[in-house]
Amino acid sequence: MDLPAFVLLILVNPNVVDAGTYRLFADGVEIGRFDIRREPSTEVPQFRIALPAGSKRISIERAGRMPLIGTRTGVRSRTADLISVAGITRPLRDDRPAEALARLPAAADALLRAVGSEYSSRDMGLEFGPMQSPDTIAEAETRLGYALDPELTAVLTTNGPVKFGDHGMTPARDLFSTERQFVRLWGSEENVAGDALALYRTSTMVWVEAGDGYGAVLYAPQGPAICNGKPAYWKIHQDTIGEPWLIGGPVASCGSLSDVLMTVIGEDLLTHIEDNGTESQLLVDPTMPDAFPVWLETDADGKPRLRPDWTRLR
């Protein structure tokens, strides 16, 4: 399927990117250019380049001083096949979470085949635990003293808790207050006070991440003022346990379970799939609102490259 027209948001760290004039081409036709000066800066220059509908390959070319040949100038370029990840991101963004997750393994498998990988999504750790019964959900809500997000309940009862590697949704039997889950799920108490402690006593971990320390996503039945009294999801990590941060949605709103899934599964899954591809491919999301962000890099030979910034998925 041909890609629709979309915009690349090119992000540049001028402290590490080689100076020069950069030109972008879609299927051999120039679509934009910009200049980079190598000088200390705390700002991140941004350039928006529109790609025409049906684009299949993108090339980026740099003209300037080449580090390996002294003061002579020359051109370095790289070309990559454009591969859409919209089969994964569009459902996570637009469909109900239970429906999006039901289709996620097949979409991930299709993208793995597109990048030439022999692995499957299950090989990478994407799977579902046993479906949770309505009775276990009701028992959890009784323990907590409030109702869970209906979208979360639908995922737990129709899909089962989704897992990706060492990360995953919390089964209904482990849904207690976050304060109790520190010991129950993380294995130790956490030293917190003030607003953070108040949140941890009135929320529950619905997603747990095990890695360089523990992290989690919390569900709270009542969010801060920006949520207008509605529920909210928060992200926490042991290293910053006293500073939970609110998961946002579009246009300065509180995030939904769809926003959570894009953050905790979409970003990680796409990073792993990209790692299974090659440098002659550029994975893009042409359905991302506004523009798709990529970082400009230059290698030791001065060749430019574009790399997706999956942390900015929305």
Protein backbone atom coordinates (compact mmCIF):
# COMPACT_ATOMS: atom_id res chain seq x y z
CA MET A 1 0.00 0.00 0.00
CA ASP A 2 1.35 3.43 -0.98
CA LEU A 3 2.15 5.90 1.77
CA PRO A 4 -0.02 9.02 2.01
CA ALA A 5 1.57 12.45 1.96
CA PHE A 6 3.04 13.35 5.35
CA VAL A 7 5.56 15.63 7.04
CA LEU A 8 8.93 14.71 8.52
CA LEU A 9 10.02 16.78 11.51
CA ILE A 10 13.82 16.67 11.35
CA LEU A 11 15.51 17.29 14.72
CA VAL A 12 19.18 18.28 14.87
CA ASN A 13 21.76 18.43 17.65
CA PRO A 14 24.29 20.82 16.06
CA ASN A 15 26.89 19.87 18.67
CA VAL A 16 27.26 16.36 17.22
CA VAL A 17 26.01 16.62 13.63
CA ASP A 18 28.51 17.56 10.93
CA ALA A 19 28.09 21.00 9.40
CA GLY A 20 27.04 21.39 5.81
CA THR A 21 24.15 21.81 3.43
CA TYR A 22 21.66 18.96 3.59
CA ARG A 23 19.28 18.06 0.77
CA LEU A 24 16.41 15.58 0.90
CA PHE A 25 15.05 13.63 -2.05
CA ALA A 26 11.94 11.48 -2.41
CA ASP A 27 12.35 8.92 -5.20
CA GLY A 28 15.11 11.06 -6.70
CA VAL A 29 13.25 14.38 -6.60
CA GLU A 30 14.49 17.09 -4.24
CA ILE A 31 11.88 17.96 -1.60
CA GLY A 32 13.84 20.25 0.70
CA ARG A 33 17.19 21.50 1.98
CA PHE A 34 18.66 23.19 5.06
CA ASP A 35 22.01 24.30 6.46
CA ILE A 36 23.69 23.20 9.69
CA ARG A 37 26.53 25.09 11.33
CA ARG A 38 28.74 23.16 13.77
CA GLU A 39 28.78 25.45 16.78
CA PRO A 40 27.90 25.06 20.48
CA SER A 41 24.17 25.37 21.02
CA THR A 42 21.53 24.48 23.60
CA GLU A 43 18.76 24.65 21.02
CA VAL A 44 17.52 21.84 18.79
CA PRO A 45 16.94 23.17 15.27
CA GLN A 46 13.88 21.68 13.58
CA PHE A 47 13.06 21.42 9.91
CA ARG A 48 9.74 20.33 8.43
CA ILE A 49 9.96 18.50 5.11
CA ALA A 50 6.81 17.37 3.28
CA LEU A 51 6.93 13.99 1.55
CA PRO A 52 4.63 13.49 -1.46
CA ALA A 53 2.02 10.75 -1.48
CA GLY A 54 3.33 7.45 -2.79
CA SER A 55 6.95 8.09 -1.80
CA LYS A 56 8.92 4.85 -1.64
CA ARG A 57 12.52 5.89 -0.96
CA ILE A 58 14.13 8.82 0.78
CA SER A 59 17.68 10.07 0.27
CA ILE A 60 19.58 12.58 2.36
CA GLU A 61 22.72 14.24 1.02
CA ARG A 62 25.29 16.40 2.78
CA ALA A 63 27.75 18.72 1.07
CA GLY A 64 30.55 20.17 3.16
CA ARG A 65 34.02 19.51 4.57
CA MET A 66 34.69 15.79 4.90
CA PRO A 67 36.53 14.87 8.12
CA LEU A 68 38.58 12.08 6.52
CA ILE A 69 40.02 14.12 3.65
CA GLY A 70 41.27 17.27 5.28
CA THR A 71 40.04 20.52 3.81
CA ARG A 72 38.55 19.15 0.61
CA THR A 73 34.81 19.28 0.20
CA GLY A 74 32.57 16.54 -1.07
CA VAL A 75 29.18 14.90 -0.86
CA ARG A 76 28.00 12.07 1.38
CA SER A 77 24.54 10.54 0.99
CA ARG A 78 22.37 7.69 2.18
CA THR A 79 19.17 6.24 0.71
CA ALA A 80 16.55 4.24 2.61
CA ASP A 81 13.34 2.44 1.78
CA LEU A 82 10.31 3.95 3.53
CA ILE A 83 8.34 1.43 5.59
CA SER A 84 5.08 2.42 7.29
CA VAL A 85 4.41 1.41 10.91
CA ALA A 86 0.80 2.62 10.74
CA GLY A 87 -0.49 -0.95 11.02
CA ILE A 88 0.66 -0.79 14.65
CA THR A 89 0.21 2.86 15.54
CA ARG A 90 -3.11 3.73 13.88
CA PRO A 91 -5.18 1.14 15.81
CA LEU A 92 -3.43 2.03 19.09
CA ARG A 93 -4.24 5.67 18.43
CA ASP A 94 -7.75 5.47 16.97
CA ASP A 95 -9.43 2.21 18.03
CA ARG A 96 -10.65 1.03 21.40
CA PRO A 97 -7.74 -0.50 23.32
CA ALA A 98 -9.16 -4.05 23.44
CA GLU A 99 -9.68 -4.01 19.66
CA ALA A 100 -6.24 -2.54 18.95
CA LEU A 101 -4.48 -5.06 21.17
CA ALA A 102 -6.33 -7.98 19.59
CA ARG A 103 -4.82 -7.03 16.23
CA LEU A 104 -1.40 -6.01 17.53
CA PRO A 105 0.41 -9.39 17.17
CA ALA A 106 -0.60 -9.77 13.51
CA ALA A 107 0.36 -6.15 12.76
CA ALA A 108 3.74 -6.59 14.46
CA ASP A 109 4.35 -9.84 12.56
CA ALA A 110 3.58 -8.08 9.27
CA LEU A 111 6.02 -5.28 10.06
CA LEU A 112 8.71 -7.78 11.06
CA ARG A 113 8.31 -9.47 7.67
CA ALA A 114 8.49 -6.08 5.95
CA VAL A 115 11.89 -5.33 7.53
CA GLY A 116 13.15 -8.82 6.63
CA SER A 117 13.17 -10.32 10.13
CA GLU A 118 12.59 -14.02 10.77
CA TYR A 119 11.31 -13.32 14.27
CA SER A 120 7.65 -13.13 15.31
CA SER A 121 6.05 -10.80 17.82
CA ARG A 122 5.83 -13.72 20.24
CA ASP A 123 9.58 -14.34 19.84
CA MET A 124 10.05 -10.72 20.92
CA GLY A 125 7.91 -11.23 24.03
CA LEU A 126 4.49 -9.92 22.98
CA GLU A 127 1.81 -12.14 24.53
CA PHE A 128 -1.32 -12.13 26.69
CA GLY A 129 -1.96 -13.67 30.09
CA PRO A 130 -5.19 -15.49 31.02
CA MET A 131 -8.41 -13.52 30.52
CA GLN A 132 -9.63 -12.09 33.81
CA SER A 133 -13.12 -12.99 35.00
CA PRO A 134 -15.70 -10.31 35.84
CA ASP A 135 -15.71 -11.63 39.41
CA THR A 136 -11.97 -11.00 39.87
CA ILE A 137 -12.42 -7.48 38.47
CA ALA A 138 -15.30 -6.85 40.88
CA GLU A 139 -13.20 -8.10 43.79
CA ALA A 140 -10.36 -5.77 42.80
CA GLU A 141 -12.70 -2.78 42.59
CA THR A 142 -14.09 -3.63 46.03
CA ARG A 143 -10.55 -3.72 47.49
CA LEU A 144 -9.67 -0.43 45.84
CA GLY A 145 -12.91 1.33 46.66
CA TYR A 146 -13.45 2.64 43.12
CA ALA A 147 -14.20 1.44 39.61
CA LEU A 148 -11.43 0.76 37.11
CA ASP A 149 -11.30 2.39 33.70
CA PRO A 150 -13.93 0.51 31.59
CA GLU A 151 -11.40 0.34 28.72
CA LEU A 152 -8.88 -1.34 31.03
CA THR A 153 -11.54 -3.76 32.26
CA ALA A 154 -12.39 -4.63 28.64
CA VAL A 155 -8.73 -5.42 27.91
CA LEU A 156 -8.36 -7.60 30.99
CA THR A 157 -11.55 -9.57 30.37
CA THR A 158 -11.43 -9.97 26.58
CA ASN A 159 -7.68 -10.06 25.82
CA GLY A 160 -6.05 -10.82 29.14
CA PRO A 161 -3.19 -8.77 30.59
CA VAL A 162 -0.86 -7.84 27.72
CA LYS A 163 2.86 -8.42 28.24
CA PHE A 164 5.96 -7.34 26.38
CA GLY A 165 9.17 -8.92 27.60
CA ASP A 166 9.63 -8.13 31.29
CA HIS A 167 6.86 -5.52 31.24
CA GLY A 168 3.14 -6.09 31.46
CA MET A 169 -0.33 -5.31 32.74
CA THR A 170 -1.16 -6.15 36.32
CA PRO A 171 -3.55 -9.13 36.78
CA ALA A 172 -6.73 -8.36 38.70
CA ARG A 173 -5.56 -10.33 41.76
CA ASP A 174 -2.64 -7.90 42.20
CA LEU A 175 -4.66 -4.69 41.97
CA PHE A 176 -4.19 -3.04 45.36
CA SER A 177 -3.22 0.50 46.27
CA THR A 178 0.10 1.57 44.77
CA GLU A 179 1.49 1.96 48.29
CA ARG A 180 0.85 -1.74 48.96
CA GLN A 181 2.01 -2.77 45.50
CA PHE A 182 5.47 -1.33 46.19
CA VAL A 183 6.01 -4.31 48.49
CA ARG A 184 3.73 -6.79 46.71
CA LEU A 185 5.06 -6.20 43.16
CA TRP A 186 8.36 -4.33 43.58
CA GLY A 187 9.49 -6.18 46.70
CA SER A 188 10.30 -3.19 48.91
CA GLU A 189 8.78 -0.12 50.48
CA GLU A 190 9.39 3.30 48.96
CA ASN A 191 10.17 6.41 51.00
CA VAL A 192 7.68 9.03 49.81
CA ALA A 193 5.67 11.83 51.37
CA GLY A 194 3.34 14.70 50.51
CA ASP A 195 1.38 14.76 47.27
CA ALA A 196 3.18 11.72 45.90
CA LEU A 197 2.22 9.62 48.92
CA ALA A 198 -1.37 10.82 48.64
CA LEU A 199 -1.43 9.68 45.01
CA TYR A 200 0.10 6.30 45.86
CA ARG A 201 -2.59 5.70 48.47
CA THR A 202 -5.41 6.51 46.03
CA SER A 203 -4.17 4.81 42.85
CA THR A 204 -3.17 1.36 41.59
CA MET A 205 -0.36 0.08 39.35
CA VAL A 206 -1.92 -1.22 36.14
CA TRP A 207 1.39 -1.72 34.28
CA VAL A 208 4.75 -2.73 35.75
CA GLU A 209 8.16 -2.42 34.09
CA ALA A 210 11.19 -4.37 35.32
CA GLY A 211 14.55 -3.14 34.08
CA ASP A 212 17.07 -0.67 35.45
CA GLY A 213 14.94 -0.35 38.55
CA TYR A 214 11.18 -0.71 38.58
CA GLY A 215 8.70 1.54 36.83
CA ALA A 216 4.94 1.53 36.54
CA VAL A 217 1.84 3.19 35.17
CA LEU A 218 -0.77 4.12 37.75
CA TYR A 219 -4.52 4.58 37.39
CA ALA A 220 -6.15 7.16 39.67
CA PRO A 221 -9.95 7.55 39.71
CA GLN A 222 -9.64 11.35 40.00
CA GLY A 223 -6.95 13.32 38.23
CA PRO A 224 -5.61 16.85 38.78
CA ALA A 225 -7.36 20.03 37.66
CA ILE A 226 -6.36 19.59 34.01
CA CYS A 227 -8.41 16.37 33.98
CA ASN A 228 -11.58 18.22 35.04
CA GLY A 229 -12.27 15.66 37.75
CA LYS A 230 -11.88 12.71 35.41
CA PRO A 231 -9.55 9.71 35.98
CA ALA A 232 -5.87 9.96 35.13
CA TYR A 233 -2.87 7.79 34.35
CA TRP A 234 0.54 8.52 35.84
CA LYS A 235 4.05 7.20 35.10
CA ILE A 236 6.50 6.54 37.92
CA HIS A 237 10.00 5.11 38.37
CA GLN A 238 12.04 4.17 41.43
CA ASP A 239 14.75 6.69 40.56
CA THR A 240 12.25 9.56 40.73
CA ILE A 241 9.71 8.03 43.08
CA GLY A 242 8.67 11.36 44.58
CA GLU A 243 7.97 12.87 41.16
CA PRO A 244 5.16 11.03 39.33
CA TRP A 245 4.38 12.53 35.94
CA LEU A 246 0.99 12.76 34.33
CA ILE A 247 0.49 10.94 31.04
CA GLY A 248 -0.93 13.51 28.66
CA GLY A 249 -3.30 13.23 25.75
CA PRO A 250 -3.88 15.47 22.73
CA VAL A 251 -4.18 19.25 23.12
CA ALA A 252 -3.16 19.58 26.79
CA SER A 253 -5.55 16.96 28.12
CA CYS A 254 -5.18 13.94 30.38
CA GLY A 255 -4.14 10.75 28.66
CA SER A 256 -6.42 7.78 28.07
CA LEU A 257 -5.54 4.09 28.09
CA SER A 258 -4.80 4.46 24.37
CA ASP A 259 -2.13 7.05 25.20
CA VAL A 260 -0.73 4.70 27.83
CA LEU A 261 -0.49 1.80 25.37
CA MET A 262 1.23 3.97 22.78
CA THR A 263 3.79 4.91 25.43
CA VAL A 264 4.43 1.55 27.11
CA ILE A 265 3.99 -0.84 24.17
CA GLY A 266 4.12 1.11 20.91
CA GLU A 267 7.46 2.80 21.59
CA ASP A 268 9.17 -0.34 22.91
CA LEU A 269 7.78 -2.67 20.25
CA LEU A 270 8.76 -0.40 17.36
CA THR A 271 12.25 0.10 18.78
CA HIS A 272 12.76 -3.67 18.84
CA ILE A 273 11.36 -4.11 15.33
CA GLU A 274 13.59 -1.34 13.98
CA ASP A 275 16.59 -3.10 15.53
CA ASN A 276 15.68 -6.17 13.46
CA GLY A 277 15.79 -4.20 10.21
CA THR A 278 18.69 -2.66 8.29
CA GLU A 279 20.26 0.78 7.84
CA SER A 280 18.78 0.91 4.33
CA GLN A 281 15.27 1.22 5.81
CA LEU A 282 13.49 4.13 7.48
CA LEU A 283 10.42 3.23 9.52
CA VAL A 284 7.87 6.06 9.52
CA ASP A 285 4.37 6.73 10.82
CA PRO A 286 2.57 8.74 8.12
CA THR A 287 -0.61 8.78 10.25
CA MET A 288 0.96 10.55 13.23
CA PRO A 289 -0.74 13.87 13.96
CA ASP A 290 1.10 16.96 12.70
CA ALA A 291 4.49 15.43 11.76
CA PHE A 292 6.68 12.37 12.29
CA PRO A 293 9.90 13.17 14.24
CA VAL A 294 13.31 11.88 13.17
CA TRP A 295 16.81 12.76 14.37
CA LEU A 296 19.54 13.65 11.91
CA GLU A 297 22.82 11.82 12.54
CA THR A 298 26.19 11.69 10.79
CA ASP A 299 28.49 8.68 11.08
CA ALA A 300 32.30 8.58 11.27
CA ASP A 301 32.56 8.87 7.47
CA GLY A 302 30.31 11.93 7.41
CA LYS A 303 27.33 10.02 5.99
CA PRO A 304 23.97 11.43 7.11
CA ARG A 305 21.20 9.24 8.47
CA LEU A 306 17.67 9.76 9.77
CA ARG A 307 16.51 7.83 12.85
CA PRO A 308 12.93 7.77 14.20
CA ASP A 309 12.30 9.21 17.65
CA TRP A 310 9.86 6.65 19.04
CA THR A 311 9.72 8.46 22.39
CA ARG A 312 7.63 11.16 20.68
CA LEU A 313 4.91 8.82 19.43
CA ARG A 314 1.43 10.22 19.93
